[in-house]
C-alpha cells in the first residue's frame, strides 16, 4: 500500500478544511457493482471500512450524495424518505460526472464541483478510519468518519438494504 502525494479536488478540499487523511492507490478496474470491493482488496482493507459514493436523484428534483459500505446495497426508499421524497433513483453517469466534476468510479463527497447534501450510512461511525474515494479512479483516502461527516455538513442515517 503506497502513500503518495497525489492532488485531486478531494485532497484540496480536505486540506483546506484541515482534515488529516492518508492517500492510497490501487489498480482501478471498471466492473459495475464491484468497484468498491476491488478498491478494498486493492488497498488491503476490510470491506466494512471502505465506502462508496452514490449520487441519487430524489423525485426528479433534488440530488444527494449517499455514502455506504462497498459490500452493501442502498435502499432507495430510505434515502428518498430521509429527504422528504417518495422516489429515488441513481443518477446516470453523465449527469453525475457533470455535476461533481469527477469520473464515475472516482466520485467523492469531498471537493465536488457542485456541493449537494451528503448522507453517510450509520456504519461509518463504527469505524476508527473510513476509506472513501479520493477524487480519482484508483485513489482512496482514509480519514476519521466524524471529521469526514462534519466537513461536508453531512448527516448519518440507515441507508442500506437489510441483509436477507
Protein backbone atom coordinates (compact mmCIF):
# COMPACT_ATOMS: atom_id res chain seq x y z
CA UNK A 1 0.00 0.00 0.00
CA UNK A 2 1.82 3.08 -1.15
CA UNK A 3 1.48 6.53 0.33
CA UNK A 4 1.76 9.04 -2.48
CA UNK A 5 1.27 12.76 -2.68
CA UNK A 6 -1.50 12.90 -5.26
CA UNK A 7 -3.55 16.06 -5.56
CA UNK A 8 -7.21 15.95 -6.53
CA UNK A 9 -10.16 18.26 -5.80
CA UNK A 10 -10.83 15.90 -2.86
CA UNK A 11 -7.39 16.30 -1.29
CA UNK A 12 -7.51 20.07 -1.90
CA UNK A 13 -10.89 20.20 -0.11
CA UNK A 14 -9.71 18.10 2.85
CA UNK A 15 -6.51 20.13 3.18
CA UNK A 16 -8.48 23.40 3.04
CA UNK A 17 -10.73 22.11 5.84
CA UNK A 18 -7.75 20.97 7.93
CA UNK A 19 -8.79 17.30 7.76
CA UNK A 20 -5.89 14.84 8.06
CA UNK A 21 -6.05 11.96 5.60
CA UNK A 22 -3.94 9.23 4.06
CA UNK A 23 -3.94 8.57 0.30
CA UNK A 24 -3.89 5.04 -1.07
CA UNK A 25 -3.81 3.99 -4.70
CA UNK A 26 -4.78 0.71 -6.34
CA UNK A 27 -5.25 -0.69 -9.83
CA UNK A 28 -8.69 0.51 -10.84
CA UNK A 29 -10.89 -2.00 -12.65
CA UNK A 30 -14.21 -0.86 -14.04
CA UNK A 31 -16.65 -3.59 -13.23
CA UNK A 32 -20.12 -2.28 -12.31
CA UNK A 33 -21.11 -3.17 -8.78
CA UNK A 34 -17.63 -4.41 -7.94
CA UNK A 35 -15.52 -1.24 -7.98
CA UNK A 36 -15.62 -0.64 -4.22
CA UNK A 37 -14.96 -4.27 -3.39
CA UNK A 38 -11.93 -4.19 -5.69
CA UNK A 39 -10.80 -0.97 -4.01
CA UNK A 40 -10.99 -2.68 -0.61
CA UNK A 41 -8.97 -5.62 -1.92
CA UNK A 42 -6.56 -3.30 -3.76
CA UNK A 43 -5.64 -1.40 -0.60
CA UNK A 44 -5.91 -4.45 1.66
CA UNK A 45 -8.64 -3.08 3.93
CA UNK A 46 -11.76 -4.86 5.27
CA UNK A 47 -14.84 -4.15 3.17
CA UNK A 48 -16.81 -2.70 6.08
CA UNK A 49 -14.23 0.11 6.38
CA UNK A 50 -14.40 1.04 2.68
CA UNK A 51 -17.26 3.22 1.47
CA UNK A 52 -18.68 4.01 -1.95
CA UNK A 53 -20.18 7.32 -3.04
CA UNK A 54 -23.51 7.12 -4.86
CA UNK A 55 -25.25 10.06 -6.50
CA UNK A 56 -29.02 9.87 -6.11
CA UNK A 57 -31.87 11.90 -7.56
CA UNK A 58 -34.98 12.28 -5.40
CA UNK A 59 -38.37 12.94 -7.02
CA UNK A 60 -36.57 14.20 -10.17
CA UNK A 61 -35.68 17.44 -8.37
CA UNK A 62 -33.12 17.01 -5.61
CA UNK A 63 -29.70 15.43 -5.92
CA UNK A 64 -27.96 13.97 -2.89
CA UNK A 65 -24.80 12.03 -2.25
CA UNK A 66 -25.11 8.78 -0.30
CA UNK A 67 -22.05 7.11 1.23
CA UNK A 68 -22.42 3.42 2.10
CA UNK A 69 -20.12 0.44 2.75
CA UNK A 70 -18.90 -1.08 -0.53
CA UNK A 71 -20.34 -4.52 0.17
CA UNK A 72 -23.87 -3.26 0.85
CA UNK A 73 -26.76 -2.16 -1.35
CA UNK A 74 -28.50 1.16 -0.96
CA UNK A 75 -32.18 1.25 -0.02
CA UNK A 76 -33.50 3.97 -2.36
CA UNK A 77 -36.79 4.28 -0.45
CA UNK A 78 -34.93 5.06 2.79
CA UNK A 79 -32.84 7.71 1.01
CA UNK A 80 -35.92 9.32 -0.59
CA UNK A 81 -37.79 9.37 2.74
CA UNK A 82 -34.83 10.96 4.51
CA UNK A 83 -35.11 13.97 2.20
CA UNK A 84 -38.93 14.08 2.27
CA UNK A 85 -39.32 12.43 -1.12
CA UNK A 86 -41.19 9.44 -2.49
CA UNK A 87 -38.86 8.10 -5.17
CA UNK A 88 -35.12 7.96 -5.57
CA UNK A 89 -33.01 6.64 -8.40
CA UNK A 90 -29.33 6.53 -9.17
CA UNK A 91 -28.16 9.49 -11.23
CA UNK A 92 -26.90 8.42 -14.63
CA UNK A 93 -23.14 8.53 -15.13
CA UNK A 94 -23.19 11.53 -17.46
CA UNK A 95 -25.20 13.68 -15.03
CA UNK A 96 -23.16 12.52 -12.03
CA UNK A 97 -19.90 13.39 -13.78
CA UNK A 98 -21.16 16.80 -14.98
CA UNK A 99 -22.43 17.67 -11.51
CA UNK A 100 -19.43 16.50 -9.48
CA UNK A 101 -16.55 17.04 -11.89
CA UNK A 102 -15.36 13.51 -11.04
CA UNK A 103 -15.41 10.41 -13.24
CA UNK A 104 -17.76 7.62 -12.22
CA UNK A 105 -15.63 5.23 -10.20
CA UNK A 106 -13.83 8.25 -8.79
CA UNK A 107 -16.70 10.28 -7.31
CA UNK A 108 -16.01 11.65 -3.85
CA UNK A 109 -18.25 13.53 -1.41
CA UNK A 110 -15.33 15.92 -0.83
CA UNK A 111 -14.47 18.63 -3.32
CA UNK A 112 -17.20 18.01 -5.88
CA UNK A 113 -17.82 20.80 -8.39
CA UNK A 114 -21.37 21.19 -7.03
CA UNK A 115 -21.88 20.55 -3.31
CA UNK A 116 -25.06 18.57 -2.62
CA UNK A 117 -26.39 17.21 0.69
CA UNK A 118 -24.29 14.24 1.84
CA UNK A 119 -25.64 11.42 3.97
CA UNK A 120 -23.44 8.67 5.39
CA UNK A 121 -24.59 5.20 6.38
CA UNK A 122 -24.60 4.92 10.20
CA UNK A 123 -21.93 2.20 9.87
CA UNK A 124 -19.36 4.92 9.12
CA UNK A 125 -19.44 5.95 12.78
CA UNK A 126 -18.44 2.44 13.84
CA UNK A 127 -15.05 2.83 12.12
CA UNK A 128 -11.94 4.49 13.52
CA UNK A 129 -10.88 5.29 9.98
CA UNK A 130 -13.12 5.13 6.94
CA UNK A 131 -11.78 4.77 3.41
CA UNK A 132 -13.57 6.56 0.63
CA UNK A 133 -12.95 7.64 -2.92
CA UNK A 134 -10.15 10.17 -3.18
CA UNK A 135 -11.35 12.02 -6.26
CA UNK A 136 -9.93 9.83 -8.99
CA UNK A 137 -10.22 6.27 -10.21
CA UNK A 138 -7.91 4.05 -8.20
CA UNK A 139 -7.49 6.58 -5.37
CA UNK A 140 -8.83 6.18 -1.84
CA UNK A 141 -8.45 8.48 1.16
CA UNK A 142 -8.51 7.21 4.73
CA UNK A 143 -9.89 9.64 7.30
CA UNK A 144 -11.77 9.99 10.56
CA UNK A 145 -15.52 9.44 9.94
CA UNK A 146 -16.66 12.20 12.32
CA UNK A 147 -14.37 14.70 10.58
CA UNK A 148 -15.49 13.41 7.16
CA UNK A 149 -19.15 13.95 8.03
CA UNK A 150 -18.58 17.34 9.67
CA UNK A 151 -16.56 18.87 6.83
CA UNK A 152 -19.44 18.39 4.36
CA UNK A 153 -22.16 19.21 6.93
CA UNK A 154 -23.26 15.64 6.40
CA UNK A 155 -25.72 13.55 8.33
CA UNK A 156 -25.90 9.88 9.16
CA UNK A 157 -28.81 7.51 8.68
CA UNK A 158 -29.74 3.93 7.93
CA UNK A 159 -29.42 3.79 4.13
CA UNK A 160 -28.85 0.16 3.27
CA UNK A 161 -30.93 -2.87 2.42
CA UNK A 162 -31.14 -5.29 5.34
CA UNK A 163 -29.18 -8.46 4.70
CA UNK A 164 -31.55 -11.32 3.97
